[in-house]
Amino acid sequence: MNATDWIGFVGVFQILIAYTLNVSGRLNNNSLTFILLNLFGAVLACLASVLMKYMPFILLEGVWSMVSLIALIKRNH
């Protein structure tokens, strides 16, 4: 695996951890941990997609990053 693969793997792993913890009832979707796992995971996955020049996932992860950032901003206000 190269650096791009590792960046993408870490990002997707963070998103999956957030999802698993949320579905199992261990993390609320408004918790700071959930939001940050999604935000940083999506940013890393988006970065990997940019490095691979794969537009569908750049769009997906870019939007996921923005939604997570908005959730973080709303949570802090």
C-alpha atoms as a PDB file:
ATOM      1  CA  MET A   1       0.000   0.000   0.000  1.00  0.00           C
ATOM      2  CA  ASN A   2       1.185   3.501  -0.789  1.00  0.00           C
ATOM      3  CA  ALA A   3       0.658   6.743   1.165  1.00  0.00           C
ATOM      4  CA  THR A   4      -2.594   7.539  -0.664  1.00  0.00           C
ATOM      5  CA  ASP A   5      -4.009   4.143   0.282  1.00  0.00           C
ATOM      6  CA  TRP A   6      -3.081   4.676   3.932  1.00  0.00           C
ATOM      7  CA  ILE A   7      -4.657   8.145   4.015  1.00  0.00           C
ATOM      8  CA  GLY A   8      -7.869   6.759   2.538  1.00  0.00           C
ATOM      9  CA  PHE A   9      -7.832   3.705   4.800  1.00  0.00           C
ATOM     10  CA  VAL A  10      -7.464   5.805   7.964  1.00  0.00           C
ATOM     11  CA  GLY A  11     -10.228   8.178   6.854  1.00  0.00           C
ATOM     12  CA  VAL A  12     -12.692   5.442   5.957  1.00  0.00           C
ATOM     13  CA  PHE A  13     -11.861   3.585   9.180  1.00  0.00           C
ATOM     14  CA  GLN A  14     -12.748   6.694  11.215  1.00  0.00           C
ATOM     15  CA  ILE A  15     -16.077   7.045   9.410  1.00  0.00           C
ATOM     16  CA  LEU A  16     -16.862   3.365   9.964  1.00  0.00           C
ATOM     17  CA  ILE A  17     -15.946   3.562  13.656  1.00  0.00           C
ATOM     18  CA  ALA A  18     -18.288   6.559  14.068  1.00  0.00           C
ATOM     19  CA  TYR A  19     -21.084   4.729  12.279  1.00  0.00           C
ATOM     20  CA  THR A  20     -20.621   1.505  14.234  1.00  0.00           C
ATOM     21  CA  LEU A  21     -20.541   3.302  17.580  1.00  0.00           C
ATOM     22  CA  ASN A  22     -23.633   5.313  16.643  1.00  0.00           C
ATOM     23  CA  VAL A  23     -25.660   2.316  15.483  1.00  0.00           C
ATOM     24  CA  SER A  24     -24.667   0.316  18.573  1.00  0.00           C
ATOM     25  CA  GLY A  25     -25.897   3.164  20.792  1.00  0.00           C
ATOM     26  CA  ARG A  26     -22.457   4.025  22.184  1.00  0.00           C
ATOM     27  CA  LEU A  27     -22.219   7.435  20.507  1.00  0.00           C
ATOM     28  CA  ASN A  28     -24.963   9.971  19.972  1.00  0.00           C
ATOM     29  CA  ASN A  29     -24.986  11.636  16.559  1.00  0.00           C
ATOM     30  CA  ASN A  30     -24.670  15.015  18.308  1.00  0.00           C
ATOM     31  CA  SER A  31     -21.610  14.012  20.339  1.00  0.00           C
ATOM     32  CA  LEU A  32     -18.351  15.808  19.663  1.00  0.00           C
ATOM     33  CA  THR A  33     -16.555  12.486  19.156  1.00  0.00           C
ATOM     34  CA  PHE A  34     -19.046  11.367  16.488  1.00  0.00           C
ATOM     35  CA  ILE A  35     -18.846  14.653  14.618  1.00  0.00           C
ATOM     36  CA  LEU A  36     -15.050  14.819  14.733  1.00  0.00           C
ATOM     37  CA  LEU A  37     -14.624  11.195  13.627  1.00  0.00           C
ATOM     38  CA  ASN A  38     -16.857  11.926  10.643  1.00  0.00           C
ATOM     39  CA  LEU A  39     -15.199  15.259   9.871  1.00  0.00           C
ATOM     40  CA  PHE A  40     -11.592  14.071   9.989  1.00  0.00           C
ATOM     41  CA  GLY A  41     -12.448  10.760   8.367  1.00  0.00           C
ATOM     42  CA  ALA A  42     -14.222  12.453   5.484  1.00  0.00           C
ATOM     43  CA  VAL A  43     -11.407  14.982   5.026  1.00  0.00           C
ATOM     44  CA  LEU A  44      -8.820  12.192   4.837  1.00  0.00           C
ATOM     45  CA  ALA A  45     -10.965  10.109   2.481  1.00  0.00           C
ATOM     46  CA  CYS A  46     -11.527  13.190   0.316  1.00  0.00           C
ATOM     47  CA  LEU A  47      -7.798  13.910   0.250  1.00  0.00           C
ATOM     48  CA  ALA A  48      -7.082  10.338  -0.849  1.00  0.00           C
ATOM     49  CA  SER A  49      -9.746  10.678  -3.559  1.00  0.00           C
ATOM     50  CA  VAL A  50      -8.166  13.917  -4.774  1.00  0.00           C
ATOM     51  CA  LEU A  51      -4.771  12.224  -4.915  1.00  0.00           C
ATOM     52  CA  MET A  52      -6.337   9.385  -6.943  1.00  0.00           C
ATOM     53  CA  LYS A  53      -8.272  11.902  -9.058  1.00  0.00           C
ATOM     54  CA  TYR A  54     -11.514   9.984  -8.487  1.00  0.00           C
ATOM     55  CA  MET A  55     -14.283  12.562  -8.842  1.00  0.00           C
ATOM     56  CA  PRO A  56     -17.283  10.582  -7.498  1.00  0.00           C
ATOM     57  CA  PHE A  57     -15.631  10.151  -4.106  1.00  0.00           C
ATOM     58  CA  ILE A  58     -14.220  13.662  -4.097  1.00  0.00           C
ATOM     59  CA  LEU A  59     -17.836  14.827  -4.316  1.00  0.00           C
ATOM     60  CA  LEU A  60     -19.096  12.317  -1.727  1.00  0.00           C
ATOM     61  CA  GLU A  61     -16.380  12.945   0.834  1.00  0.00           C
ATOM     62  CA  GLY A  62     -16.323  16.688   0.171  1.00  0.00           C
ATOM     63  CA  VAL A  63     -20.023  16.937   0.945  1.00  0.00           C
ATOM     64  CA  TRP A  64     -19.590  14.622   3.956  1.00  0.00           C
ATOM     65  CA  SER A  65     -16.845  16.933   5.234  1.00  0.00           C
ATOM     66  CA  MET A  66     -19.011  20.019   4.802  1.00  0.00           C
ATOM     67  CA  VAL A  67     -22.017  18.439   6.527  1.00  0.00           C
ATOM     68  CA  SER A  68     -19.800  17.378   9.430  1.00  0.00           C
ATOM     69  CA  LEU A  69     -18.261  20.842   9.659  1.00  0.00           C
ATOM     70  CA  ILE A  70     -21.735  22.429   9.734  1.00  0.00           C
ATOM     71  CA  ALA A  71     -22.768  19.981  12.484  1.00  0.00           C
ATOM     72  CA  LEU A  72     -19.675  20.957  14.476  1.00  0.00           C
ATOM     73  CA  ILE A  73     -20.402  24.670  14.078  1.00  0.00           C
ATOM     74  CA  LYS A  74     -24.066  24.218  15.059  1.00  0.00           C
ATOM     75  CA  ARG A  75     -23.071  22.116  18.063  1.00  0.00           C
ATOM     76  CA  ASN A  76     -20.813  24.878  19.356  1.00  0.00           C
ATOM     77  CA  HIS A  77     -23.425  27.622  19.067  1.00  0.00           C
END
